[in-house]
Each structure stands twice: as structure tokens, then as C-alpha cells.
N, C-alpha and C. Protein backbone atom coordinates (compact mmCIF):
# COMPACT_ATOMS: atom_id res chain seq x y z
N MET A 1 7.35 17.90 -41.50
CA MET A 1 6.71 17.86 -40.20
C MET A 1 6.53 19.30 -39.71
N LEU A 2 5.34 19.62 -39.24
CA LEU A 2 5.08 20.94 -38.70
C LEU A 2 5.85 21.15 -37.40
N ALA A 3 6.20 22.41 -37.16
CA ALA A 3 6.94 22.71 -35.93
C ALA A 3 6.15 22.28 -34.70
N ASN A 4 4.82 22.46 -34.74
CA ASN A 4 4.00 22.08 -33.60
C ASN A 4 4.04 20.58 -33.36
N GLN A 5 4.03 19.79 -34.44
CA GLN A 5 4.13 18.34 -34.29
C GLN A 5 5.49 17.96 -33.73
N ALA A 6 6.54 18.65 -34.19
CA ALA A 6 7.88 18.36 -33.67
C ALA A 6 7.94 18.65 -32.18
N LEU A 7 7.31 19.74 -31.75
CA LEU A 7 7.32 20.10 -30.33
C LEU A 7 6.61 19.02 -29.52
N HIS A 8 5.47 18.55 -30.02
CA HIS A 8 4.77 17.49 -29.31
C HIS A 8 5.67 16.27 -29.17
N GLN A 9 6.33 15.88 -30.22
CA GLN A 9 7.17 14.69 -30.17
C GLN A 9 8.37 14.92 -29.26
N ILE A 10 9.00 16.06 -29.36
CA ILE A 10 10.17 16.37 -28.54
C ILE A 10 9.79 16.35 -27.06
N TYR A 11 8.71 17.02 -26.71
CA TYR A 11 8.42 17.18 -25.30
C TYR A 11 7.68 16.01 -24.69
N SER A 12 7.07 15.17 -25.51
CA SER A 12 6.54 13.97 -24.89
C SER A 12 7.69 13.05 -24.49
N ILE A 13 8.79 13.09 -25.22
CA ILE A 13 10.00 12.36 -24.82
C ILE A 13 10.61 13.01 -23.58
N ASN A 14 10.71 14.33 -23.59
CA ASN A 14 11.31 15.04 -22.45
C ASN A 14 10.47 14.90 -21.19
N THR A 15 9.18 14.72 -21.34
CA THR A 15 8.34 14.54 -20.16
C THR A 15 8.81 13.32 -19.39
N LEU A 16 9.20 12.28 -20.11
CA LEU A 16 9.70 11.09 -19.44
C LEU A 16 11.13 11.28 -18.96
N GLN A 17 11.95 11.89 -19.78
CA GLN A 17 13.37 11.99 -19.47
C GLN A 17 13.69 13.11 -18.49
N TYR A 18 12.98 14.20 -18.60
CA TYR A 18 13.30 15.37 -17.78
C TYR A 18 12.19 15.74 -16.81
N GLY A 19 11.30 14.82 -16.52
CA GLY A 19 10.20 15.09 -15.61
C GLY A 19 10.68 15.26 -14.18
N ALA A 20 9.74 15.59 -13.33
CA ALA A 20 10.07 15.77 -11.91
C ALA A 20 10.59 14.47 -11.32
N SER A 21 11.61 14.56 -10.54
CA SER A 21 12.22 13.37 -9.93
C SER A 21 11.31 12.79 -8.86
N GLN A 22 11.30 11.50 -8.76
CA GLN A 22 10.53 10.84 -7.71
C GLN A 22 11.27 10.86 -6.38
N ASP A 23 12.54 11.21 -6.41
CA ASP A 23 13.36 11.23 -5.20
C ASP A 23 13.19 12.58 -4.50
N ALA A 24 12.54 12.57 -3.35
CA ALA A 24 12.25 13.82 -2.64
C ALA A 24 13.52 14.56 -2.24
N ALA A 25 14.62 13.87 -2.05
CA ALA A 25 15.86 14.52 -1.62
C ALA A 25 16.44 15.41 -2.71
N THR A 26 16.09 15.16 -3.98
CA THR A 26 16.65 15.97 -5.05
C THR A 26 15.93 17.29 -5.23
N HIS A 27 14.73 17.42 -4.67
CA HIS A 27 13.98 18.67 -4.76
C HIS A 27 13.78 19.23 -3.37
N GLN A 28 14.41 20.37 -3.11
CA GLN A 28 14.31 20.95 -1.79
C GLN A 28 13.00 21.71 -1.60
N ARG A 29 12.41 22.16 -2.72
CA ARG A 29 11.13 22.86 -2.63
C ARG A 29 10.34 22.62 -3.91
N ALA A 30 9.04 22.79 -3.80
CA ALA A 30 8.17 22.57 -4.96
C ALA A 30 8.40 23.64 -6.02
N LYS A 31 8.25 23.25 -7.27
CA LYS A 31 8.36 24.19 -8.38
C LYS A 31 6.98 24.42 -8.96
N TRP A 32 6.84 25.49 -9.71
CA TRP A 32 5.56 25.92 -10.25
C TRP A 32 5.25 25.23 -11.58
N GLN A 33 3.96 25.12 -11.85
CA GLN A 33 3.47 24.66 -13.14
C GLN A 33 2.72 25.84 -13.76
N TYR A 34 3.16 26.26 -14.93
CA TYR A 34 2.61 27.43 -15.60
C TYR A 34 1.69 27.01 -16.74
N LEU A 35 0.63 27.78 -16.92
CA LEU A 35 -0.29 27.59 -18.02
C LEU A 35 -0.47 28.93 -18.72
N LEU A 36 -0.05 29.02 -19.98
CA LEU A 36 -0.29 30.19 -20.81
C LEU A 36 -1.52 29.88 -21.64
N SER A 37 -2.62 30.56 -21.35
CA SER A 37 -3.89 30.14 -21.90
C SER A 37 -4.83 31.31 -22.15
N ASP A 38 -5.70 31.13 -23.16
CA ASP A 38 -6.78 32.08 -23.41
C ASP A 38 -8.09 31.61 -22.78
N SER A 39 -8.29 30.29 -22.73
CA SER A 39 -9.61 29.82 -22.33
C SER A 39 -9.63 28.70 -21.30
N ILE A 40 -8.51 28.04 -21.04
CA ILE A 40 -8.53 26.95 -20.06
C ILE A 40 -7.81 27.39 -18.79
N LYS A 41 -8.05 26.66 -17.72
CA LYS A 41 -7.42 26.99 -16.45
C LYS A 41 -7.16 25.71 -15.68
N PHE A 42 -6.32 25.82 -14.65
CA PHE A 42 -6.08 24.69 -13.76
C PHE A 42 -7.30 24.47 -12.88
N ALA A 43 -7.41 23.27 -12.33
CA ALA A 43 -8.46 23.00 -11.35
C ALA A 43 -8.23 23.88 -10.13
N SER A 44 -9.28 24.17 -9.42
CA SER A 44 -9.18 25.09 -8.28
C SER A 44 -8.30 24.56 -7.17
N ASP A 45 -8.10 23.24 -7.10
CA ASP A 45 -7.27 22.68 -6.03
C ASP A 45 -5.80 22.54 -6.44
N MET A 46 -5.41 23.14 -7.54
CA MET A 46 -4.03 23.07 -8.03
C MET A 46 -3.22 24.17 -7.36
N SER A 47 -2.57 23.83 -6.25
CA SER A 47 -1.88 24.85 -5.46
C SER A 47 -0.56 25.29 -6.06
N SER A 48 0.04 24.47 -6.94
CA SER A 48 1.33 24.85 -7.52
C SER A 48 1.19 25.36 -8.94
N GLY A 49 -0.04 25.66 -9.37
CA GLY A 49 -0.29 26.10 -10.74
C GLY A 49 -0.45 27.60 -10.83
N ILE A 50 0.14 28.18 -11.87
CA ILE A 50 0.00 29.61 -12.14
C ILE A 50 -0.53 29.74 -13.57
N ARG A 51 -1.71 30.31 -13.70
CA ARG A 51 -2.28 30.56 -15.02
C ARG A 51 -1.98 31.99 -15.43
N ILE A 52 -1.45 32.14 -16.62
CA ILE A 52 -1.14 33.47 -17.16
C ILE A 52 -1.92 33.63 -18.45
N GLN A 53 -2.60 34.77 -18.58
CA GLN A 53 -3.29 35.05 -19.84
C GLN A 53 -2.27 35.02 -20.97
N LYS A 54 -2.53 34.24 -21.99
CA LYS A 54 -1.58 34.08 -23.09
C LYS A 54 -1.40 35.42 -23.79
N PRO A 55 -0.14 35.84 -23.97
CA PRO A 55 0.12 37.13 -24.64
C PRO A 55 -0.09 37.01 -26.15
N ILE A 56 0.11 38.11 -26.85
CA ILE A 56 0.03 38.08 -28.31
C ILE A 56 1.08 37.11 -28.84
N GLN A 57 0.86 36.61 -30.03
CA GLN A 57 1.67 35.54 -30.59
C GLN A 57 3.17 35.83 -30.55
N GLU A 58 3.57 37.04 -30.85
CA GLU A 58 4.99 37.39 -30.89
C GLU A 58 5.67 37.32 -29.53
N LEU A 59 4.90 37.40 -28.47
CA LEU A 59 5.48 37.39 -27.12
C LEU A 59 5.49 36.02 -26.46
N VAL A 60 4.81 35.04 -27.04
CA VAL A 60 4.71 33.72 -26.40
C VAL A 60 6.10 33.09 -26.25
N PHE A 61 6.89 33.08 -27.30
CA PHE A 61 8.22 32.45 -27.23
C PHE A 61 9.10 33.10 -26.16
N PRO A 62 9.27 34.44 -26.15
CA PRO A 62 10.13 35.01 -25.09
C PRO A 62 9.59 34.75 -23.68
N TRP A 63 8.28 34.74 -23.52
CA TRP A 63 7.71 34.46 -22.20
C TRP A 63 8.01 33.03 -21.78
N VAL A 64 7.84 32.08 -22.71
CA VAL A 64 8.12 30.68 -22.38
C VAL A 64 9.58 30.51 -22.00
N MET A 65 10.48 31.14 -22.73
CA MET A 65 11.91 31.03 -22.43
C MET A 65 12.23 31.62 -21.05
N LYS A 66 11.61 32.74 -20.70
CA LYS A 66 11.83 33.34 -19.38
C LYS A 66 11.30 32.43 -18.27
N ILE A 67 10.14 31.85 -18.50
CA ILE A 67 9.56 30.95 -17.50
C ILE A 67 10.45 29.73 -17.30
N ILE A 68 10.89 29.13 -18.40
CA ILE A 68 11.75 27.94 -18.31
C ILE A 68 13.04 28.25 -17.57
N SER A 69 13.67 29.35 -17.92
CA SER A 69 14.99 29.68 -17.37
C SER A 69 14.93 30.30 -15.98
N SER A 70 13.74 30.48 -15.43
CA SER A 70 13.62 31.07 -14.09
C SER A 70 14.17 30.17 -13.00
N GLY A 71 14.21 28.86 -13.28
CA GLY A 71 14.65 27.91 -12.26
C GLY A 71 13.57 27.57 -11.25
N GLU A 72 12.39 28.16 -11.39
CA GLU A 72 11.28 27.94 -10.46
C GLU A 72 10.16 27.13 -11.09
N CYS A 73 10.40 26.57 -12.27
CA CYS A 73 9.34 25.96 -13.06
C CYS A 73 9.56 24.47 -13.22
N GLN A 74 8.49 23.70 -13.05
CA GLN A 74 8.52 22.26 -13.30
C GLN A 74 7.93 21.96 -14.68
N SER A 75 6.81 22.63 -15.01
CA SER A 75 6.12 22.37 -16.27
C SER A 75 5.54 23.66 -16.83
N VAL A 76 5.49 23.72 -18.18
CA VAL A 76 4.84 24.83 -18.87
C VAL A 76 3.86 24.22 -19.86
N TYR A 77 2.62 24.68 -19.81
CA TYR A 77 1.59 24.25 -20.74
C TYR A 77 1.17 25.48 -21.54
N ILE A 78 1.15 25.35 -22.87
CA ILE A 78 0.82 26.47 -23.74
C ILE A 78 -0.38 26.08 -24.58
N GLU A 79 -1.42 26.90 -24.52
CA GLU A 79 -2.64 26.60 -25.26
C GLU A 79 -2.54 27.11 -26.69
N ASN A 80 -2.86 26.24 -27.66
CA ASN A 80 -3.01 26.59 -29.07
C ASN A 80 -1.92 27.52 -29.60
N HIS A 81 -0.73 27.01 -29.72
CA HIS A 81 0.36 27.83 -30.26
C HIS A 81 1.28 26.96 -31.11
N GLN A 82 1.79 27.54 -32.18
CA GLN A 82 2.77 26.84 -33.02
C GLN A 82 4.07 27.63 -32.98
N PHE A 83 5.16 26.95 -32.65
CA PHE A 83 6.48 27.55 -32.64
C PHE A 83 7.20 27.22 -33.94
N SER A 84 8.11 28.09 -34.34
CA SER A 84 8.94 27.79 -35.51
C SER A 84 9.91 26.67 -35.14
N LEU A 85 10.57 26.10 -36.13
CA LEU A 85 11.53 25.03 -35.86
C LEU A 85 12.70 25.54 -35.02
N VAL A 86 13.14 26.77 -35.27
CA VAL A 86 14.22 27.36 -34.48
C VAL A 86 13.78 27.55 -33.03
N GLN A 87 12.58 28.08 -32.84
CA GLN A 87 12.05 28.27 -31.49
C GLN A 87 11.90 26.92 -30.78
N THR A 88 11.44 25.92 -31.51
CA THR A 88 11.28 24.58 -30.94
C THR A 88 12.62 24.04 -30.45
N THR A 89 13.66 24.23 -31.24
CA THR A 89 15.00 23.76 -30.86
C THR A 89 15.49 24.49 -29.61
N LEU A 90 15.30 25.80 -29.56
CA LEU A 90 15.75 26.58 -28.40
C LEU A 90 14.96 26.20 -27.14
N ILE A 91 13.67 25.97 -27.30
CA ILE A 91 12.86 25.55 -26.14
C ILE A 91 13.31 24.18 -25.67
N GLN A 92 13.58 23.28 -26.59
CA GLN A 92 14.03 21.93 -26.22
C GLN A 92 15.34 22.01 -25.44
N GLN A 93 16.30 22.82 -25.90
CA GLN A 93 17.58 22.95 -25.21
C GLN A 93 17.39 23.53 -23.81
N ALA A 94 16.58 24.56 -23.70
CA ALA A 94 16.33 25.18 -22.38
C ALA A 94 15.61 24.21 -21.46
N ALA A 95 14.64 23.47 -21.99
CA ALA A 95 13.89 22.51 -21.18
C ALA A 95 14.81 21.41 -20.65
N GLN A 96 15.74 20.98 -21.47
CA GLN A 96 16.70 19.97 -21.02
C GLN A 96 17.64 20.54 -19.96
N GLN A 97 18.12 21.75 -20.19
CA GLN A 97 19.06 22.37 -19.25
C GLN A 97 18.42 22.59 -17.88
N TYR A 98 17.17 23.07 -17.86
CA TYR A 98 16.50 23.40 -16.60
C TYR A 98 15.56 22.30 -16.12
N GLN A 99 15.52 21.18 -16.83
CA GLN A 99 14.67 20.03 -16.48
C GLN A 99 13.20 20.45 -16.31
N VAL A 100 12.67 21.05 -17.37
CA VAL A 100 11.29 21.53 -17.39
C VAL A 100 10.52 20.76 -18.46
N ASN A 101 9.31 20.35 -18.13
CA ASN A 101 8.41 19.72 -19.10
C ASN A 101 7.65 20.82 -19.83
N VAL A 102 7.61 20.75 -21.16
CA VAL A 102 6.87 21.72 -21.97
C VAL A 102 5.87 20.97 -22.83
N THR A 103 4.60 21.41 -22.77
CA THR A 103 3.55 20.76 -23.53
C THR A 103 2.67 21.80 -24.19
N VAL A 104 2.43 21.63 -25.50
CA VAL A 104 1.48 22.47 -26.21
C VAL A 104 0.14 21.75 -26.19
N LEU A 105 -0.89 22.45 -25.75
CA LEU A 105 -2.24 21.89 -25.66
C LEU A 105 -3.09 22.45 -26.79
N ASP A 106 -3.62 21.60 -27.63
CA ASP A 106 -4.51 22.03 -28.70
C ASP A 106 -5.95 21.89 -28.22
N VAL A 107 -6.61 23.01 -28.03
CA VAL A 107 -7.98 23.01 -27.54
C VAL A 107 -8.90 23.08 -28.75
N ILE A 108 -9.83 22.14 -28.83
CA ILE A 108 -10.78 22.10 -29.92
C ILE A 108 -11.96 23.01 -29.57
N LYS A 109 -12.23 23.99 -30.41
CA LYS A 109 -13.30 24.96 -30.16
C LYS A 109 -14.67 24.29 -30.21
N ASP A 110 -15.61 24.85 -29.47
CA ASP A 110 -17.00 24.42 -29.43
C ASP A 110 -17.18 22.97 -28.97
N THR A 111 -16.29 22.49 -28.13
CA THR A 111 -16.42 21.13 -27.58
C THR A 111 -16.21 21.16 -26.07
N ASP A 112 -16.57 22.25 -25.43
CA ASP A 112 -16.40 22.41 -23.99
C ASP A 112 -14.94 22.25 -23.58
N ASN A 113 -14.04 22.87 -24.36
CA ASN A 113 -12.61 22.89 -24.07
C ASN A 113 -11.97 21.51 -23.96
N VAL A 114 -12.26 20.66 -24.92
CA VAL A 114 -11.59 19.37 -25.00
C VAL A 114 -10.14 19.64 -25.40
N ILE A 115 -9.21 19.00 -24.71
CA ILE A 115 -7.80 19.21 -24.98
C ILE A 115 -7.23 18.01 -25.68
N VAL A 116 -6.52 18.26 -26.78
CA VAL A 116 -5.83 17.21 -27.51
C VAL A 116 -4.35 17.42 -27.28
N GLY A 117 -3.70 16.50 -26.62
CA GLY A 117 -2.29 16.67 -26.29
C GLY A 117 -1.43 15.61 -26.93
N PRO A 118 -0.15 15.65 -26.62
CA PRO A 118 0.80 14.69 -27.20
C PRO A 118 0.75 13.33 -26.54
N TRP A 119 -0.02 13.17 -25.52
CA TRP A 119 -0.08 11.89 -24.82
C TRP A 119 -0.98 11.00 -25.60
């Protein structure tokens, strides 16, 4: 199994298990949703979304780990990236600890940015 496929499977489970709570009392303030992307962006009415230009491949993993561990993040979306199995495991552990949803988005080129996700 490719590391990217493992990440999709891991985080589609975590999306259900570690997603944002429906109980308003458990969240005192809204958390951010981050998008590390080269070509896609959040809708203009997404007030809790932060789009960051995706760094070079070697920096994606440390950036994702910093975002997850900030304590200010609800979800991280990463465009077109494959993590190693070790990185996938570390991201899964951090996502569980900080209750963050992590999703890798595979954007198909030349199709007006169609996104293929784990859903």
C-alpha cells in the first residue's frame, strides 16, 4: 500500500473519530482550517480558512506537524503530496493528540481543479 493511500485511509477514519465536536461547550473558540496548496483555494466566504502556498516537498512534513501541534487548527488539507510511512504514522499520532483532521487532496491536472479525496 502506498503511503498516500494509507494516509487517506487513516485520516478518513480520523475525520469521523477526531472531527470537530458538535457540542459548543467543548470549543471555547473557533479553530483554523489550513490549506497547503499550489493551485486550489478556499471559497471567498470561508472565514476560518487559511491558505498557505505549499512549500518545497522537503518542507511539507515539518510545516504540517507545526500546524497540527499549534493547538489552533481544526483541519489541514494538503494538495498533491505523498508522505512516507514514517511521516504518515507521526502525522496520525499528532492528529489524534491534537484532534485535527488531515486530508490529502489529489488534484487532477487539466480538469479545472477537480479534487479526488478520500471521501
